[in-house]
Amino acid sequence: MKAMILAAGRGDRMRPLTDHLPKPLLPICGKPLLDYHLESLARAGFADVIINVAYRSAQIVAHCRSRDYGLQLHFSNEGDSALETGGGIRHALPLLGDELFAVINGDIHTDYPFARLREQARAMAAHDLVHLVMVPNPPHHNRGDFSLEDTRMRVDGAQRLTFSGIGLYRAALFADTGEGAFPLAPLLSQAMNAGHASGERYDGRWCDVGTPERLAALEAELGCVKAG
């Protein structure tokens, strides 16, 4: 099974840190955020990883090619403007193929065991188009995104959780889309309403590294810098 890391965004909320460095290369305890994902995917037994790039793409490509992660890396270049999450995945489908694939947001930090995605892929129902990893709602997103009832995803419900940015997808989810920029959330909602979306809850470490303040808090939590 192939995996994709979403690394094309500008990271405007991370400015000024991202003025000269793409967000996936921002260091967390001295290691680029992207490296955490790539090393974890290699440990989990993944072999082929696609990385979509746009903003400061040359820096990301050069960084990845300067290291040996034990992976076959492929780059989906979106040009000058990122295609949003949905459009970025759709643009990379020629590299991802028709089989089930994993997608991971490049701007999160987590200890989620990616080997579990391979297990979930084997258990995923044939009619399901997506499987989402959900996490407890962080303070900056306390309303959550979707509901998880047992192992089924719902657009609405009492048990609202936050989408972690980690999921499994079938290419068929994008069958009615065209090239260009578009968000992923409406496609997820359609799959849920059709009964074609499963999910799981993860209570381990997870952080949306979306602002300089959250990055600093994460490093304090990890113990590599002092809080405050």
Protein backbone atom coordinates (compact mmCIF):
# COMPACT_ATOMS: atom_id res chain seq x y z
CA MET A 1 0.00 0.00 0.00
CA LYS A 2 1.24 3.47 -0.90
CA ALA A 3 1.15 6.51 1.35
CA MET A 4 0.92 10.21 0.60
CA ILE A 5 2.09 13.14 2.71
CA LEU A 6 0.39 16.48 2.13
CA ALA A 7 3.16 19.07 2.06
CA ALA A 8 2.07 21.67 -0.48
CA GLY A 9 0.53 24.41 1.66
CA ARG A 10 2.03 27.85 2.27
CA GLY A 11 1.66 27.74 6.03
CA ASP A 12 0.50 31.36 6.31
CA ARG A 13 -0.51 30.96 9.96
CA MET A 14 3.07 29.91 10.74
CA ARG A 15 4.58 33.15 9.47
CA PRO A 16 7.22 34.47 9.91
CA LEU A 17 8.67 30.97 10.40
CA THR A 18 7.52 29.91 6.93
CA ASP A 19 8.65 33.04 5.07
CA HIS A 20 11.82 31.24 4.00
CA LEU A 21 11.14 27.62 4.95
CA PRO A 22 8.20 25.40 3.98
CA LYS A 23 6.16 24.23 6.95
CA PRO A 24 7.02 20.50 6.57
CA LEU A 25 10.69 21.38 7.10
CA LEU A 26 10.16 23.34 10.31
CA PRO A 27 12.21 21.67 13.05
CA ILE A 28 10.55 19.98 16.01
CA CYS A 29 13.21 19.31 18.63
CA GLY A 30 15.84 19.76 15.93
CA LYS A 31 14.26 17.38 13.38
CA PRO A 32 12.17 18.52 10.40
CA LEU A 33 8.50 17.73 10.84
CA LEU A 34 8.46 15.84 7.56
CA ASP A 35 11.20 13.48 8.75
CA TYR A 36 9.04 12.24 11.63
CA HIS A 37 6.42 11.06 9.14
CA LEU A 38 8.86 9.50 6.70
CA GLU A 39 10.75 7.62 9.39
CA SER A 40 7.49 6.39 10.95
CA LEU A 41 6.18 5.19 7.59
CA ALA A 42 9.41 3.30 6.93
CA ARG A 43 9.21 1.62 10.36
CA ALA A 44 5.59 0.68 9.63
CA GLY A 45 6.56 -1.21 6.49
CA PHE A 46 5.52 1.27 3.82
CA ALA A 47 7.76 1.32 0.74
CA ASP A 48 6.35 3.94 -1.66
CA VAL A 49 5.52 7.45 -0.48
CA ILE A 50 4.19 10.32 -2.56
CA ILE A 51 4.74 13.88 -1.32
CA ASN A 52 2.79 16.72 -2.90
CA VAL A 53 4.66 20.00 -3.14
CA ALA A 54 3.98 23.57 -4.23
CA TYR A 55 5.26 26.31 -1.90
CA ARG A 56 9.08 26.22 -1.84
CA SER A 57 8.90 22.80 -3.46
CA ALA A 58 12.59 22.75 -4.40
CA GLN A 59 13.58 22.92 -0.74
CA ILE A 60 11.43 19.92 0.15
CA VAL A 61 12.65 17.85 -2.80
CA ALA A 62 16.30 18.69 -2.10
CA HIS A 63 15.92 17.85 1.58
CA CYS A 64 14.32 14.48 0.88
CA ARG A 65 16.87 13.53 -1.76
CA SER A 66 19.72 14.32 0.62
CA ARG A 67 18.60 11.59 3.03
CA ASP A 68 18.02 7.86 2.93
CA TYR A 69 14.75 6.97 4.61
CA GLY A 70 14.59 3.47 3.17
CA LEU A 71 11.64 4.56 1.02
CA GLN A 72 10.88 5.12 -2.63
CA LEU A 73 9.87 8.77 -2.74
CA HIS A 74 7.81 10.36 -5.50
CA PHE A 75 6.81 14.02 -5.79
CA SER A 76 3.51 15.41 -7.05
CA ASN A 77 4.28 19.00 -8.01
CA GLU A 78 1.27 21.32 -8.01
CA GLY A 79 3.07 24.29 -9.51
CA ASP A 80 2.82 27.77 -8.07
CA SER A 81 -0.51 27.32 -6.27
CA ALA A 82 -1.46 24.46 -3.96
CA LEU A 83 -4.61 22.59 -4.98
CA GLU A 84 -6.13 22.26 -1.47
CA THR A 85 -6.41 18.84 0.11
CA GLY A 86 -8.95 17.32 -2.26
CA GLY A 87 -7.38 18.68 -5.41
CA GLY A 88 -3.91 17.71 -4.23
CA ILE A 89 -4.87 14.08 -3.69
CA ARG A 90 -6.78 13.97 -6.97
CA HIS A 91 -3.74 15.40 -8.82
CA ALA A 92 -1.54 12.66 -7.34
CA LEU A 93 -3.82 9.74 -8.32
CA PRO A 94 -1.60 8.74 -11.29
CA LEU A 95 1.17 8.11 -8.75
CA LEU A 96 -1.11 6.59 -6.09
CA GLY A 97 -2.87 4.12 -8.40
CA ASP A 98 -6.26 2.45 -8.03
CA GLU A 99 -5.56 0.55 -4.81
CA LEU A 100 -6.34 1.73 -1.29
CA PHE A 101 -3.80 4.32 -0.12
CA ALA A 102 -2.99 6.25 3.05
CA VAL A 103 -2.82 10.04 3.32
CA ILE A 104 -1.20 12.00 6.16
CA ASN A 105 -1.24 15.73 6.71
CA GLY A 106 2.29 17.08 6.66
CA ASP A 107 1.61 19.65 9.39
CA ILE A 108 0.72 17.31 12.25
CA HIS A 109 2.94 15.64 14.84
CA THR A 110 1.78 12.32 16.23
CA ASP A 111 2.86 9.00 17.67
CA TYR A 112 0.01 7.20 15.89
CA PRO A 113 1.43 3.83 14.76
CA PHE A 114 1.14 3.91 10.97
CA ALA A 115 1.34 0.11 10.88
CA ARG A 116 -2.23 0.23 12.16
CA LEU A 117 -3.28 1.75 8.83
CA ARG A 118 -2.10 -1.40 7.10
CA GLU A 119 -4.18 -3.46 9.52
CA GLN A 120 -7.23 -1.24 9.02
CA ALA A 121 -6.81 -1.52 5.25
CA ARG A 122 -7.07 -5.31 5.48
CA ALA A 123 -10.20 -5.03 7.65
CA MET A 124 -11.87 -2.24 5.66
CA ALA A 125 -15.19 -3.15 4.08
CA ALA A 126 -15.16 -3.38 0.29
CA HIS A 127 -17.90 -0.74 -0.04
CA ASP A 128 -16.13 1.82 2.16
CA LEU A 129 -14.37 4.66 0.36
CA VAL A 130 -12.62 6.17 3.39
CA HIS A 131 -11.36 5.29 6.85
CA LEU A 132 -10.54 8.24 9.11
CA VAL A 133 -8.47 8.48 12.27
CA MET A 134 -10.25 10.77 14.72
CA VAL A 135 -8.82 12.43 17.83
CA PRO A 136 -10.25 14.27 20.85
CA ASN A 137 -11.02 17.90 20.09
CA PRO A 138 -8.11 20.24 20.81
CA PRO A 139 -8.80 23.60 22.52
CA HIS A 140 -8.54 25.52 19.24
CA HIS A 141 -11.13 23.27 17.57
CA ASN A 142 -13.51 22.29 20.34
CA ARG A 143 -16.53 21.71 18.08
CA GLY A 144 -14.84 18.91 16.19
CA ASP A 145 -15.43 17.87 12.58
CA PHE A 146 -17.50 14.69 12.41
CA SER A 147 -19.06 12.07 14.65
CA LEU A 148 -17.84 8.54 15.24
CA GLU A 149 -20.42 5.96 16.28
CA ASP A 150 -18.74 2.64 16.98
CA THR A 151 -16.69 2.32 13.77
CA ARG A 152 -18.95 4.35 11.47
CA MET A 153 -18.44 7.97 10.55
CA ARG A 154 -21.36 10.41 10.61
CA VAL A 155 -21.57 14.02 9.52
CA ASP A 156 -23.61 14.88 12.62
CA GLY A 157 -24.00 13.24 15.99
CA ALA A 158 -23.32 13.52 19.70
CA GLN A 159 -19.77 12.17 19.74
CA ARG A 160 -18.04 14.83 17.63
CA LEU A 161 -14.31 14.43 17.22
CA THR A 162 -11.58 16.11 15.19
CA PHE A 163 -10.23 14.59 11.99
CA SER A 164 -6.55 13.93 12.62
CA GLY A 165 -5.44 14.34 9.01
CA ILE A 166 -4.66 10.61 8.84
CA GLY A 167 -6.83 8.39 6.68
CA LEU A 168 -7.26 5.66 4.10
CA TYR A 169 -8.85 6.42 0.73
CA ARG A 170 -9.98 4.65 -2.40
CA ALA A 171 -9.46 6.40 -5.72
CA ALA A 172 -13.20 5.97 -6.36
CA LEU A 173 -13.85 8.73 -3.81
CA PHE A 174 -12.57 11.18 -6.44
CA ALA A 175 -14.40 9.64 -9.42
CA ASP A 176 -16.69 12.64 -9.98
CA THR A 177 -14.05 15.33 -9.51
CA GLY A 178 -11.95 17.21 -12.04
CA GLU A 179 -8.53 18.76 -12.00
CA GLY A 180 -8.07 21.93 -9.99
CA ALA A 181 -8.28 23.07 -6.39
CA PHE A 182 -11.07 21.79 -4.16
CA PRO A 183 -11.46 20.84 -0.48
CA LEU A 184 -11.66 17.28 0.80
CA ALA A 185 -14.35 17.76 3.46
CA PRO A 186 -17.38 17.73 1.09
CA LEU A 187 -16.24 14.39 -0.38
CA LEU A 188 -15.88 12.96 3.12
CA SER A 189 -19.38 14.15 4.02
CA GLN A 190 -20.80 12.54 0.87
CA ALA A 191 -19.14 9.23 1.72
CA MET A 192 -20.51 9.39 5.27
CA ASN A 193 -24.04 10.17 4.13
CA ALA A 194 -23.86 7.22 1.72
CA GLY A 195 -22.67 4.88 4.49
CA HIS A 196 -19.24 4.42 2.95
CA ALA A 197 -16.99 5.78 5.70
CA SER A 198 -15.46 4.01 8.69
CA GLY A 199 -13.28 5.43 11.43
CA GLU A 200 -11.36 4.93 14.64
CA ARG A 201 -10.49 7.02 17.67
CA TYR A 202 -6.89 7.63 18.68
CA ASP A 203 -6.07 9.02 22.13
CA GLY A 204 -2.28 9.16 21.85
CA ARG A 205 -0.10 12.15 21.04
CA TRP A 206 -1.42 14.32 18.24
CA CYS A 207 -0.85 17.99 17.50
CA ASP A 208 -1.91 20.20 14.64
CA VAL A 209 1.28 22.26 14.32
CA GLY A 210 -0.57 25.19 12.80
CA THR A 211 0.87 28.22 14.60
CA PRO A 212 4.20 29.23 16.15
CA GLU A 213 2.54 29.05 19.56
CA ARG A 214 1.45 25.44 19.06
CA LEU A 215 4.90 24.53 17.78
CA ALA A 216 6.48 26.00 20.92
CA ALA A 217 3.96 24.20 23.14
CA LEU A 218 4.67 20.90 21.40
CA GLU A 219 8.40 21.26 21.93
CA ALA A 220 7.78 22.01 25.59
CA GLU A 221 5.59 18.91 25.85
CA LEU A 222 8.29 16.81 24.21
CA GLY A 223 10.81 18.18 26.68
CA CYS A 224 13.28 19.70 24.24
CA VAL A 225 12.62 23.30 25.31
CA LYS A 226 11.33 24.91 28.47
CA ALA A 227 7.78 26.15 28.52
CA GLY A 228 7.28 29.92 28.70
